Amino acid sequence: MLAWLSQNIGTILIIAALIAFFALLIWSLIRDKKKGKSSCCGGCAGCALAGQCHAAANQKSGKPSDEGTASSAVKGGD
């Protein structure tokens, strides 16, 4: 058993580092989601999903949605 560990220590360390990295990534995404942060960069002016992405947040806050901007181009904007 000890011989196997010594032969594969590099692989074991790399796998442990990858598991730690992805665990931190998932933890960060969950933490941001609970805080209400968006996964987008925040520049909705050029986003094709601008009318859909923040629609629920706009309805809760009473703000008018951004309909007629980039979202109309996606829907076939007449």
C-alpha atoms as a PDB file:
ATOM      1  CA  MET A   1       0.000   0.000   0.000  1.00  0.00           C
ATOM      2  CA  LEU A   2       2.793   2.410   0.887  1.00  0.00           C
ATOM      3  CA  ALA A   3       4.591   1.596  -2.364  1.00  0.00           C
ATOM      4  CA  TRP A   4       1.440   2.353  -4.359  1.00  0.00           C
ATOM      5  CA  LEU A   5       1.027   5.707  -2.581  1.00  0.00           C
ATOM      6  CA  SER A   6       4.624   6.691  -3.245  1.00  0.00           C
ATOM      7  CA  GLN A   7       4.294   5.778  -6.937  1.00  0.00           C
ATOM      8  CA  ASN A   8       1.063   7.769  -7.384  1.00  0.00           C
ATOM      9  CA  ILE A   9       1.613  10.754  -5.084  1.00  0.00           C
ATOM     10  CA  GLY A  10       1.691  13.200  -8.008  1.00  0.00           C
ATOM     11  CA  THR A  11      -1.628  11.989  -9.373  1.00  0.00           C
ATOM     12  CA  ILE A  12      -3.180  11.996  -5.918  1.00  0.00           C
ATOM     13  CA  LEU A  13      -2.065  15.589  -5.259  1.00  0.00           C
ATOM     14  CA  ILE A  14      -3.359  16.812  -8.631  1.00  0.00           C
ATOM     15  CA  ILE A  15      -6.729  15.133  -8.101  1.00  0.00           C
ATOM     16  CA  ALA A  16      -6.956  16.595  -4.582  1.00  0.00           C
ATOM     17  CA  ALA A  17      -6.151  20.074  -5.947  1.00  0.00           C
ATOM     18  CA  LEU A  18      -8.809  19.745  -8.666  1.00  0.00           C
ATOM     19  CA  ILE A  19     -11.418  18.586  -6.158  1.00  0.00           C
ATOM     20  CA  ALA A  20     -10.569  21.529  -3.879  1.00  0.00           C
ATOM     21  CA  PHE A  21     -10.742  23.981  -6.800  1.00  0.00           C
ATOM     22  CA  PHE A  22     -14.151  22.791  -7.963  1.00  0.00           C
ATOM     23  CA  ALA A  23     -15.489  22.663  -4.405  1.00  0.00           C
ATOM     24  CA  LEU A  24     -14.457  26.304  -3.902  1.00  0.00           C
ATOM     25  CA  LEU A  25     -15.970  27.234  -7.260  1.00  0.00           C
ATOM     26  CA  ILE A  26     -19.310  25.652  -6.412  1.00  0.00           C
ATOM     27  CA  TRP A  27     -19.253  27.156  -2.911  1.00  0.00           C
ATOM     28  CA  SER A  28     -18.608  30.611  -4.415  1.00  0.00           C
ATOM     29  CA  LEU A  29     -21.456  30.247  -6.922  1.00  0.00           C
ATOM     30  CA  ILE A  30     -23.876  29.143  -4.197  1.00  0.00           C
ATOM     31  CA  ARG A  31     -22.794  32.010  -1.923  1.00  0.00           C
ATOM     32  CA  ASP A  32     -23.249  34.552  -4.744  1.00  0.00           C
ATOM     33  CA  LYS A  33     -26.679  33.111  -5.596  1.00  0.00           C
ATOM     34  CA  LYS A  34     -27.799  33.451  -1.959  1.00  0.00           C
ATOM     35  CA  LYS A  35     -26.608  37.070  -1.932  1.00  0.00           C
ATOM     36  CA  GLY A  36     -28.653  37.740  -5.073  1.00  0.00           C
ATOM     37  CA  LYS A  37     -25.681  38.406  -7.317  1.00  0.00           C
ATOM     38  CA  SER A  38     -26.045  37.688 -10.999  1.00  0.00           C
ATOM     39  CA  SER A  39     -23.719  35.452 -12.968  1.00  0.00           C
ATOM     40  CA  CYS A  40     -23.558  37.954 -15.816  1.00  0.00           C
ATOM     41  CA  CYS A  41     -21.090  40.802 -16.088  1.00  0.00           C
ATOM     42  CA  GLY A  42     -23.797  43.406 -15.537  1.00  0.00           C
ATOM     43  CA  GLY A  43     -23.708  45.087 -18.943  1.00  0.00           C
ATOM     44  CA  CYS A  44     -27.292  44.461 -20.059  1.00  0.00           C
ATOM     45  CA  ALA A  45     -27.233  46.957 -22.925  1.00  0.00           C
ATOM     46  CA  GLY A  46     -25.560  44.512 -25.311  1.00  0.00           C
ATOM     47  CA  CYS A  47     -27.036  41.329 -23.890  1.00  0.00           C
ATOM     48  CA  ALA A  48     -29.504  39.368 -26.024  1.00  0.00           C
ATOM     49  CA  LEU A  49     -31.377  38.219 -22.906  1.00  0.00           C
ATOM     50  CA  ALA A  50     -31.652  41.624 -21.222  1.00  0.00           C
ATOM     51  CA  GLY A  51     -35.445  41.511 -21.025  1.00  0.00           C
ATOM     52  CA  GLN A  52     -35.522  38.002 -19.594  1.00  0.00           C
ATOM     53  CA  CYS A  53     -32.496  37.865 -17.319  1.00  0.00           C
ATOM     54  CA  HIS A  54     -33.588  40.419 -14.719  1.00  0.00           C
ATOM     55  CA  ALA A  55     -37.338  40.332 -15.322  1.00  0.00           C
ATOM     56  CA  ALA A  56     -38.126  38.692 -11.956  1.00  0.00           C
ATOM     57  CA  ALA A  57     -36.022  41.233 -10.056  1.00  0.00           C
ATOM     58  CA  ASN A  58     -37.688  44.122 -11.903  1.00  0.00           C
ATOM     59  CA  GLN A  59     -41.164  42.821 -11.072  1.00  0.00           C
ATOM     60  CA  LYS A  60     -40.307  42.532  -7.363  1.00  0.00           C
ATOM     61  CA  SER A  61     -38.859  46.040  -7.155  1.00  0.00           C
ATOM     62  CA  GLY A  62     -41.568  47.654  -9.285  1.00  0.00           C
ATOM     63  CA  LYS A  63     -39.088  48.884 -11.892  1.00  0.00           C
ATOM     64  CA  PRO A  64     -40.187  48.838 -15.526  1.00  0.00           C
ATOM     65  CA  SER A  65     -38.552  46.140 -17.606  1.00  0.00           C
ATOM     66  CA  ASP A  66     -36.115  46.883 -20.414  1.00  0.00           C
ATOM     67  CA  GLU A  67     -38.473  45.647 -23.129  1.00  0.00           C
ATOM     68  CA  GLY A  68     -37.882  47.066 -26.555  1.00  0.00           C
ATOM     69  CA  THR A  69     -34.087  47.075 -26.306  1.00  0.00           C
ATOM     70  CA  ALA A  70     -32.027  44.016 -27.125  1.00  0.00           C
ATOM     71  CA  SER A  71     -34.791  41.573 -26.207  1.00  0.00           C
ATOM     72  CA  SER A  72     -36.989  42.688 -29.094  1.00  0.00           C
ATOM     73  CA  ALA A  73     -34.223  41.718 -31.519  1.00  0.00           C
ATOM     74  CA  VAL A  74     -34.222  38.202 -30.103  1.00  0.00           C
ATOM     75  CA  LYS A  75     -38.023  37.922 -30.284  1.00  0.00           C
ATOM     76  CA  GLY A  76     -38.076  39.091 -33.877  1.00  0.00           C
ATOM     77  CA  GLY A  77     -38.417  42.834 -33.079  1.00  0.00           C
ATOM     78  CA  ASP A  78     -41.106  44.338 -35.281  1.00  0.00           C
END
